[in-house]
Protein backbone atom coordinates (compact mmCIF):
# COMPACT_ATOMS: atom_id res chain seq x y z
CA MET A 1 214.53 -10.68 155.54
CA SER A 2 215.08 -9.32 151.96
CA ALA A 3 211.69 -9.37 149.64
CA GLN A 4 211.65 -13.15 147.77
CA PRO A 5 210.35 -13.11 144.54
CA ASP A 6 206.77 -14.13 143.28
CA ARG A 7 206.75 -17.26 142.51
CA PRO A 8 203.82 -18.04 139.83
CA VAL A 9 200.70 -19.50 141.32
CA VAL A 10 200.46 -22.59 139.99
CA VAL A 11 196.78 -23.46 139.78
CA ALA A 12 195.68 -26.94 138.59
CA SER A 13 192.21 -28.79 138.16
CA ALA A 14 190.53 -27.38 141.76
CA GLY A 15 191.69 -24.28 140.51
CA ASP A 16 190.42 -24.36 137.04
CA ALA A 17 186.46 -25.88 138.91
CA LEU A 18 187.01 -22.65 141.46
CA PHE A 19 187.65 -20.19 139.11
CA ARG A 20 185.20 -20.23 136.68
CA PRO A 21 182.93 -17.66 135.96
CA VAL A 22 179.86 -16.85 137.97
CA ARG A 23 176.68 -16.38 137.83
CA ALA A 24 175.24 -12.65 137.33
CA GLY A 25 172.61 -12.27 139.83
CA ASN A 26 174.53 -12.86 142.89
CA ALA A 27 178.35 -12.10 141.02
CA PHE A 28 179.82 -10.61 144.35
CA GLU A 29 178.34 -13.38 147.05
CA GLU A 30 180.04 -15.72 144.46
CA THR A 31 183.36 -14.40 144.28
CA VAL A 32 183.71 -14.36 147.82
CA GLU A 33 182.32 -18.44 147.92
CA ARG A 34 184.67 -19.60 145.51
CA LEU A 35 187.99 -17.40 146.53
CA LEU A 36 186.69 -18.83 149.81
CA GLN A 37 186.70 -22.45 148.65
CA ALA A 38 190.21 -21.23 147.03
CA VAL A 39 191.45 -20.91 150.49
CA ARG A 40 189.80 -23.21 153.08
CA LEU A 41 190.79 -26.03 150.58
CA GLY A 42 193.95 -25.08 149.70
CA VAL A 43 194.77 -24.23 146.01
CA VAL A 44 195.53 -21.34 147.61
CA GLY A 45 198.00 -22.38 150.43
CA ALA A 46 198.88 -20.04 153.60
CA GLY A 47 200.86 -17.81 151.99
CA GLU A 48 200.07 -17.54 148.48
CA ARG A 49 199.28 -15.57 146.80
CA LEU A 50 195.94 -14.94 144.64
CA PRO A 51 196.19 -15.17 141.02
CA SER A 52 196.36 -11.09 139.85
CA GLU A 53 193.57 -9.07 140.28
CA ARG A 54 193.07 -8.94 136.26
CA GLU A 55 193.17 -13.17 135.89
CA LEU A 56 190.53 -13.38 138.81
CA ALA A 57 188.50 -10.69 137.09
CA GLU A 58 188.77 -12.82 134.01
CA ARG A 59 188.79 -15.83 135.13
CA LEU A 60 185.71 -15.43 137.43
CA GLY A 61 183.91 -13.08 134.40
CA VAL A 62 183.49 -10.41 137.06
CA SER A 63 183.83 -6.55 136.33
CA ARG A 64 187.02 -5.75 138.66
CA VAL A 65 185.55 -3.47 141.54
CA THR A 66 183.14 -6.46 142.35
CA LEU A 67 186.25 -8.59 142.71
CA ARG A 68 187.94 -5.51 144.71
CA GLU A 69 185.01 -5.92 147.13
CA ALA A 70 185.07 -9.37 147.36
CA ILE A 71 188.82 -9.39 148.63
CA ARG A 72 187.83 -6.39 150.63
CA ALA A 73 185.27 -8.39 152.73
CA LEU A 74 187.62 -11.10 152.98
CA ALA A 75 190.62 -9.17 154.01
CA ASP A 76 188.40 -7.61 156.37
CA ALA A 77 187.80 -10.89 158.11
CA GLY A 78 191.14 -12.14 158.46
CA TYR A 79 191.17 -14.54 155.33
CA VAL A 80 193.62 -12.87 153.15
CA GLU A 81 195.94 -9.33 153.30
CA SER A 82 196.87 -7.13 150.01
CA ARG A 83 200.40 -5.82 150.03
CA ARG A 84 201.82 -3.12 148.05
CA GLY A 85 204.78 -2.56 145.76
CA ARG A 86 207.52 -5.20 143.13
CA TYR A 87 206.07 -7.88 144.87
CA GLY A 88 202.45 -7.16 146.38
CA GLY A 89 199.59 -8.82 145.66
CA THR A 90 196.96 -10.53 147.56
CA PHE A 91 198.05 -13.08 149.83
CA VAL A 92 196.19 -15.86 151.63
CA ASN A 93 197.48 -15.27 155.95
CA ALA A 94 199.30 -17.24 157.73
CA SER A 95 196.78 -18.20 160.47
CA LEU A 96 193.08 -18.46 158.71
CA PRO A 97 190.44 -17.11 161.23
CA THR A 98 188.41 -19.47 163.60
CA PRO A 99 184.29 -19.61 163.12
CA ARG A 100 182.40 -17.40 165.04
CA GLY A 101 181.26 -20.18 166.90
CA LYS A 102 184.31 -21.00 168.95
CA GLY A 103 185.44 -23.18 166.46
CA ARG A 104 182.27 -24.88 166.20
CA LYS A 105 181.79 -27.40 163.63
CA ILE A 106 178.78 -27.03 161.73
CA ASP A 107 177.27 -29.47 159.79
CA PRO A 108 176.90 -29.21 156.22
CA GLU A 109 173.44 -31.95 156.16
CA ARG A 110 172.04 -29.37 158.39
CA ILE A 111 173.25 -26.06 156.35
CA ASP A 112 171.42 -28.29 152.89
CA ASP A 113 168.71 -28.31 155.03
CA THR A 114 167.72 -25.20 155.98
CA LEU A 115 168.39 -23.77 152.68
CA CYS A 116 166.53 -26.03 150.69
CA LEU A 117 163.38 -25.72 153.02
CA ARG A 118 164.14 -21.61 152.80
CA HIS A 119 164.41 -22.22 148.96
CA VAL A 120 161.62 -23.96 149.02
CA LEU A 121 159.40 -22.31 151.51
CA GLU A 122 160.58 -18.20 150.11
CA THR A 123 160.43 -18.82 146.51
CA GLY A 124 156.44 -20.06 146.99
CA ALA A 125 155.57 -17.42 149.78
CA ALA A 126 156.93 -14.42 146.45
CA GLU A 127 155.63 -16.52 144.37
CA MET A 128 151.54 -16.69 146.85
CA ALA A 129 151.91 -13.19 147.38
CA ALA A 130 152.07 -11.65 144.10
CA ALA A 131 148.52 -13.58 143.31
CA ARG A 132 146.75 -12.26 144.97
CA SER A 133 144.95 -8.99 145.41
CA LEU A 134 146.45 -7.39 148.18
CA THR A 135 144.64 -4.63 150.29
CA PRO A 136 145.54 -0.84 150.37
CA GLY A 137 147.28 -1.75 153.37
CA GLU A 138 149.04 -4.84 153.23
CA ARG A 139 150.38 -3.07 150.11
CA GLN A 140 151.55 -0.23 153.17
CA HIS A 141 152.77 -2.78 154.66
CA LEU A 142 155.23 -4.18 152.61
CA THR A 143 156.34 -0.77 150.91
CA SER A 144 157.01 0.55 155.09
CA THR A 145 158.95 -2.97 155.63
CA LEU A 146 160.68 -2.26 152.71
CA ALA A 147 162.09 1.07 153.44
CA GLU A 148 162.89 0.19 156.93
CA THR A 149 165.55 -2.18 156.10
CA SER A 150 167.27 -0.78 153.34
CA ALA A 151 167.56 2.43 155.64
CA SER A 152 168.49 0.20 158.42
CA ASP A 153 172.42 0.39 159.53
CA LEU A 154 174.28 -2.79 160.62
CA ASP A 155 173.63 -3.04 163.55
CA ASP A 156 169.74 -3.59 163.49
CA TYR A 157 170.07 -4.80 159.82
CA ARG A 158 168.93 -8.70 160.16
CA ARG A 159 166.27 -7.79 162.44
CA ARG A 160 164.68 -5.72 159.85
CA ASP A 161 165.78 -8.04 157.18
CA SER A 162 164.11 -10.89 158.65
CA ARG A 163 160.91 -8.25 159.29
CA LEU A 164 160.43 -8.24 155.53
CA HIS A 165 161.05 -11.63 154.58
CA LEU A 166 157.64 -12.17 157.59
CA ALA A 167 156.43 -9.20 155.78
CA ILE A 168 156.15 -10.94 152.49
CA ALA A 169 154.77 -14.56 154.62
CA GLU A 170 151.76 -12.07 155.97
CA VAL A 171 150.69 -10.62 152.60
CA THR A 172 149.65 -14.24 151.40
CA ALA A 173 147.07 -14.55 154.21
CA ALA A 174 148.44 -17.79 155.05
CA LYS A 175 148.98 -17.98 158.49
CA SER A 176 150.60 -21.88 158.25
CA LEU A 177 153.08 -20.16 155.48
CA THR A 178 154.18 -17.21 158.00
CA THR A 179 154.53 -20.05 160.80
CA ALA A 180 156.88 -21.54 158.02
CA VAL A 181 158.39 -19.03 157.07
CA ALA A 182 159.10 -17.94 160.48
CA ASP A 183 161.17 -20.70 161.83
CA VAL A 184 163.20 -21.48 158.99
CA ARG A 185 164.20 -17.74 159.28
CA MET A 186 165.89 -18.85 162.87
CA ARG A 187 166.97 -21.81 161.73
CA VAL A 188 169.11 -18.87 158.86
CA ASN A 189 169.90 -16.63 160.90
CA GLN A 190 172.09 -19.31 163.07
CA LEU A 191 173.62 -19.48 160.28
CA LEU A 192 173.74 -16.18 159.72
CA ASP A 193 174.95 -15.82 163.11
CA GLU A 194 178.14 -17.71 162.14
CA ILE A 195 179.44 -15.38 159.20
CA PRO A 196 180.61 -12.02 158.89
CA LEU A 197 177.98 -9.49 157.68
CA LEU A 198 179.50 -8.08 154.56
CA GLU A 199 178.36 -4.52 153.56
CA PRO A 200 178.60 -5.05 149.23
CA ASN A 201 175.91 -7.83 150.41
CA LEU A 202 173.53 -5.52 152.57
CA GLU A 203 173.53 -3.44 149.39
CA HIS A 204 172.89 -5.83 147.19
CA SER A 205 170.31 -7.15 149.27
CA ASN A 206 168.38 -4.07 149.21
CA ALA A 207 168.42 -3.85 145.46
CA GLN A 208 166.98 -7.55 145.24
CA HIS A 209 164.44 -6.68 148.19
CA GLU A 210 163.14 -3.82 146.09
CA ALA A 211 162.92 -5.95 143.31
CA VAL A 212 161.10 -9.12 144.64
CA VAL A 213 158.51 -6.43 146.38
CA GLU A 214 158.30 -4.27 142.87
CA ALA A 215 156.94 -7.86 141.46
CA ILE A 216 154.50 -8.69 144.64
CA LEU A 217 152.88 -5.06 144.13
CA ALA A 218 153.29 -5.82 140.28
CA GLY A 219 150.94 -9.28 140.73
CA ASP A 220 153.26 -11.09 139.09
CA PRO A 221 154.27 -14.28 140.55
CA ALA A 222 156.65 -16.25 138.48
CA MET A 223 158.89 -12.22 138.64
CA ALA A 224 158.55 -12.42 142.15
CA ARG A 225 159.44 -15.76 142.61
CA ARG A 226 162.41 -15.30 140.52
CA ALA A 227 163.26 -12.44 142.05
CA MET A 228 163.21 -14.28 145.03
CA ALA A 229 165.33 -16.91 144.42
CA GLU A 230 168.00 -15.16 143.02
CA HIS A 231 168.20 -12.87 146.39
CA ILE A 232 167.90 -16.53 148.52
CA GLU A 233 171.04 -17.86 146.59
CA GLY A 234 172.79 -15.28 146.67
CA THR A 235 172.82 -15.75 151.05
CA ALA A 236 173.17 -19.38 150.64
CA SER A 237 176.50 -18.66 148.18
CA LEU A 238 178.40 -17.58 151.30
CA LEU A 239 177.23 -19.54 153.74
CA ARG A 240 178.05 -22.48 152.27
CA GLY A 241 181.49 -20.21 151.27
CA PHE A 242 182.14 -19.34 155.34
CA LEU A 243 180.66 -22.51 156.84
CA ASN A 244 181.00 -25.17 154.67
């Protein structure tokens, strides 16, 4: 079968809404979310080519390195494929992958409810942890748990990640808050189990974890809250992108 000339992808108002500048704090995660939305909503249909790398990078306001990482993540997850040559580019696969939950539809209200609760609890936990005068043992608990998370491999990452978030709640010395964070973390992990682990996101998460812990150890409640908010919004972007 002879190659057909590429026809320009016409991106209407929906594309304008999706391919708009992302926020700098979670550029990779939000880029994945926007591209997934474009694919899943049919803005770029099956077999069609995404706008060029240069155009997408400009419209999303991200570096071409970030864009390539996002496209690679979606290719690994089975949503798109990259082709070389005269008529190359990034194309949406004809068949999109089945969610890990074997086609189970997750209620969007459940996702929003979990993400809202997590935001309130975990930003508050980070703020309160930074407001306390931590003991040497509590400081060591945070730093060692952070180190274990950063050194974790993919297979064990989610467990280590959860342990770090619980450690932040633990050093608030509020048992009820720790229990609440543990409960919401279980709900978050159930959602995370439905989406693929993306290595660029894990690298970004580790850097954000470090920023959160540094703010807590420095006794800066406002910075700790902001750093945690930015971190969990990155996860929220991926969940909304893959599951909504």
